[in-house]
Amino acid sequence: MDTGPDPSGEGLRLRRWDAESEADAAAWLRGRTDPDFLRWNTPLAQTADLAGARQSLRAQARAIADGTCAHFCVTDEADGRVLGHVGVNAIDRVMRVARIGYWVLPEARGHQVATRALAVVTRWTFAELPLHRLELGHALGHEASCRIAEKCGYRAEGTLRGAMFDTGRVDAFRDVHLHARLTTDDTA
């Protein structure tokens, strides 16, 4: 999916991950193995080493090419440091809806990186794809993610019972707090 130039703003540049880059593979591995990430997410495919990180990034590139997602490496606009990830997932062009997800590397936390990245990718998604509805789900109890969603105009819509895997398990489930934003929402 060719979507023009990389999104930027809020002091960030969102760019494609590069599976062949040592730095990108290492950052992906650190992000996906971070204990805080794993507390709130249970990836279907575990990333245990650099080879696995590259494999995961290549699979992501294939999904981007087939139009089912748009994933971005979140970098500092001034110096290019990798700060985290933001992705537009499960893109449904018929219903014009997708799901947003993000994570931030430990050293970038506390600097509004996730909030700023969500704001940038939301504007980009509505302008470039264009979709009507963006959904953001987080595990019940993940208050930081709830605040980020609300700051970016994603309204709380309710709780989805048993809608995501429990921490580190694929045989147990936990509830998800659902937020959404429509392209027609007033965010002022």
Protein backbone atom coordinates (compact mmCIF):
# COMPACT_ATOMS: atom_id res chain seq x y z
CA MET A 1 0.00 0.00 0.00
CA ASP A 2 1.60 3.25 -1.13
CA THR A 3 0.37 6.04 1.10
CA GLY A 4 2.68 8.90 0.23
CA PRO A 5 5.22 10.56 2.51
CA ASP A 6 5.86 9.49 6.07
CA PRO A 7 3.49 11.06 8.59
CA SER A 8 5.08 13.59 10.92
CA GLY A 9 4.17 16.20 13.48
CA GLU A 10 4.15 16.72 17.23
CA GLY A 11 7.98 16.41 17.17
CA LEU A 12 7.74 12.89 15.71
CA ARG A 13 8.32 11.23 12.38
CA LEU A 14 6.53 7.96 11.66
CA ARG A 15 8.38 5.78 9.16
CA ARG A 16 8.27 2.19 7.99
CA TRP A 17 10.22 -0.34 9.99
CA ASP A 18 13.20 -1.82 8.12
CA ALA A 19 13.66 -5.56 8.76
CA GLU A 20 17.21 -5.39 7.36
CA SER A 21 18.30 -2.63 9.75
CA GLU A 22 20.19 -3.85 12.84
CA ALA A 23 18.92 -0.86 14.82
CA ASP A 24 15.28 -1.42 13.81
CA ALA A 25 15.41 -5.15 14.53
CA ALA A 26 17.01 -4.49 17.93
CA ALA A 27 14.41 -1.83 18.81
CA TRP A 28 11.56 -4.12 17.72
CA LEU A 29 12.98 -6.94 19.85
CA ARG A 30 13.36 -4.66 22.90
CA GLY A 31 9.83 -3.32 22.50
CA ARG A 32 8.20 -6.72 22.02
CA THR A 33 10.06 -8.33 24.94
CA ASP A 34 9.67 -5.42 27.37
CA PRO A 35 7.94 -6.65 30.56
CA ASP A 36 5.48 -3.74 30.54
CA PHE A 37 4.53 -4.48 26.91
CA LEU A 38 4.03 -8.15 27.79
CA ARG A 39 1.94 -7.23 30.84
CA TRP A 40 -0.68 -5.65 28.57
CA ASN A 41 -0.23 -7.63 25.33
CA THR A 42 0.02 -11.28 24.38
CA PRO A 43 1.47 -11.49 20.88
CA LEU A 44 0.42 -14.54 18.88
CA ALA A 45 4.00 -14.90 17.63
CA GLN A 46 6.63 -14.42 20.30
CA THR A 47 9.78 -12.49 19.38
CA ALA A 48 12.75 -14.00 21.21
CA ASP A 49 15.82 -12.91 19.24
CA LEU A 50 17.00 -10.67 16.38
CA ALA A 51 16.16 -13.30 13.76
CA GLY A 52 12.63 -13.48 15.14
CA ALA A 53 12.41 -9.67 15.15
CA ARG A 54 13.39 -9.58 11.48
CA GLN A 55 10.88 -12.31 10.68
CA SER A 56 8.15 -10.37 12.51
CA LEU A 57 9.04 -7.15 10.67
CA ARG A 58 9.01 -8.96 7.30
CA ALA A 59 5.55 -10.39 8.06
CA GLN A 60 4.43 -6.89 8.94
CA ALA A 61 5.77 -5.58 5.60
CA ARG A 62 3.73 -8.23 3.76
CA ALA A 63 0.57 -7.17 5.61
CA ILE A 64 1.30 -3.53 4.73
CA ALA A 65 1.74 -4.52 1.07
CA ASP A 66 -1.62 -6.32 1.00
CA GLY A 67 -3.35 -3.31 2.58
CA THR A 68 -4.51 -4.92 5.83
CA CYS A 69 -2.38 -2.73 8.07
CA ALA A 70 -0.11 0.30 8.19
CA HIS A 71 2.64 0.04 10.81
CA PHE A 72 5.10 2.75 11.71
CA CYS A 73 8.32 3.08 13.64
CA VAL A 74 7.90 6.15 15.85
CA THR A 75 11.05 8.28 15.80
CA ASP A 76 12.15 11.59 17.23
CA GLU A 77 11.80 14.11 14.39
CA ALA A 78 14.99 15.96 15.40
CA ASP A 79 17.48 13.13 15.84
CA GLY A 80 15.80 10.01 14.41
CA ARG A 81 15.94 7.98 17.64
CA VAL A 82 13.48 5.09 17.69
CA LEU A 83 10.88 5.72 20.41
CA GLY A 84 8.22 3.09 19.76
CA HIS A 85 5.58 1.77 17.40
CA VAL A 86 2.11 2.69 16.21
CA GLY A 87 0.00 0.55 13.92
CA VAL A 88 -3.28 0.73 12.06
CA ASN A 89 -4.47 -2.88 12.07
CA ALA A 90 -7.31 -4.99 10.69
CA ILE A 91 -8.13 -2.40 8.04
CA ASP A 92 -11.59 -3.07 6.61
CA ARG A 93 -12.03 -0.88 3.55
CA VAL A 94 -15.65 -1.95 3.04
CA MET A 95 -16.79 -0.83 6.50
CA ARG A 96 -14.03 1.84 6.57
CA VAL A 97 -12.85 0.81 10.04
CA ALA A 98 -9.52 -0.21 11.60
CA ARG A 99 -7.92 -0.85 14.99
CA ILE A 100 -5.08 1.22 16.40
CA GLY A 101 -2.29 -0.12 18.60
CA TYR A 102 0.92 1.34 19.97
CA TRP A 103 3.81 0.80 22.34
CA VAL A 104 6.71 2.93 23.55
CA LEU A 105 10.23 1.87 24.48
CA PRO A 106 10.97 2.18 28.22
CA GLU A 107 13.40 5.10 27.84
CA ALA A 108 10.81 7.11 25.88
CA ARG A 109 8.00 6.73 28.41
CA GLY A 110 6.84 9.79 30.32
CA HIS A 111 7.33 12.11 27.32
CA GLN A 112 3.85 11.87 25.76
CA VAL A 113 5.26 9.78 22.88
CA ALA A 114 2.23 7.47 22.63
CA THR A 115 -0.19 10.40 22.82
CA ARG A 116 1.67 12.35 20.14
CA ALA A 117 2.08 9.27 17.89
CA LEU A 118 -1.62 8.44 18.21
CA ALA A 119 -2.54 12.02 17.26
CA VAL A 120 -0.28 11.92 14.19
CA VAL A 121 -1.41 8.48 12.97
CA THR A 122 -5.07 9.35 13.55
CA ARG A 123 -4.83 12.46 11.34
CA TRP A 124 -2.89 10.48 8.72
CA THR A 125 -5.34 7.57 8.70
CA PHE A 126 -8.41 9.73 8.25
CA ALA A 127 -6.70 11.72 5.48
CA GLU A 128 -4.87 9.00 3.58
CA LEU A 129 -6.80 5.76 3.80
CA PRO A 130 -9.58 7.28 4.31
CA LEU A 131 -11.48 5.47 7.01
CA HIS A 132 -14.58 6.48 8.94
CA ARG A 133 -13.97 4.78 12.30
CA LEU A 134 -10.85 3.97 14.30
CA GLU A 135 -11.09 1.66 17.29
CA LEU A 136 -8.62 1.40 20.14
CA GLY A 137 -8.89 -1.41 22.66
CA HIS A 138 -6.77 -1.89 25.76
CA ALA A 139 -6.82 -4.36 28.61
CA LEU A 140 -9.09 -3.33 31.44
CA GLY A 141 -6.93 -1.69 34.08
CA HIS A 142 -4.41 -0.17 31.66
CA GLU A 143 -5.14 3.36 32.83
CA ALA A 144 -2.26 4.99 30.93
CA SER A 145 -3.63 3.70 27.63
CA CYS A 146 -7.10 4.89 28.61
CA ARG A 147 -5.79 8.43 29.24
CA ILE A 148 -3.91 8.43 25.92
CA ALA A 149 -7.04 7.42 24.02
CA GLU A 150 -9.15 10.09 25.71
CA LYS A 151 -6.55 12.84 25.11
CA CYS A 152 -6.68 12.01 21.39
CA GLY A 153 -10.45 12.16 21.14
CA TYR A 154 -11.15 8.42 21.29
CA ARG A 155 -14.37 8.19 23.24
CA ALA A 156 -14.93 5.34 25.67
CA GLU A 157 -17.64 3.06 24.32
CA GLY A 158 -17.72 0.26 26.85
CA THR A 159 -16.20 -3.03 27.89
CA LEU A 160 -15.81 -6.04 25.63
CA ARG A 161 -15.96 -9.14 27.80
CA GLY A 162 -13.19 -11.70 27.27
CA ALA A 163 -11.99 -9.97 24.11
CA MET A 164 -8.22 -10.40 24.45
CA PHE A 165 -5.80 -12.99 25.71
CA ASP A 166 -4.77 -12.79 29.33
CA THR A 167 -1.18 -11.89 30.16
CA GLY A 168 1.14 -14.47 28.59
CA ARG A 169 -1.65 -16.96 27.86
CA VAL A 170 -3.66 -18.04 24.85
CA ASP A 171 -6.03 -20.25 26.87
CA ALA A 172 -7.50 -17.52 29.08
CA PHE A 173 -9.09 -14.17 28.33
CA ARG A 174 -9.53 -10.73 29.85
CA ASP A 175 -11.82 -7.80 29.24
CA VAL A 176 -11.03 -4.92 26.91
CA HIS A 177 -11.98 -1.28 27.30
CA LEU A 178 -13.07 -0.06 23.85
CA HIS A 179 -12.55 3.49 22.62
CA ALA A 180 -13.35 4.81 19.14
CA ARG A 181 -13.04 7.92 17.09
CA LEU A 182 -15.02 8.83 13.99
CA THR A 183 -13.78 11.07 11.24
CA THR A 184 -16.83 13.25 11.97
CA ASP A 185 -16.07 13.64 15.70
CA ASP A 186 -15.42 17.16 16.94
CA THR A 187 -12.11 17.04 18.78
CA ALA A 188 -11.86 20.69 19.75
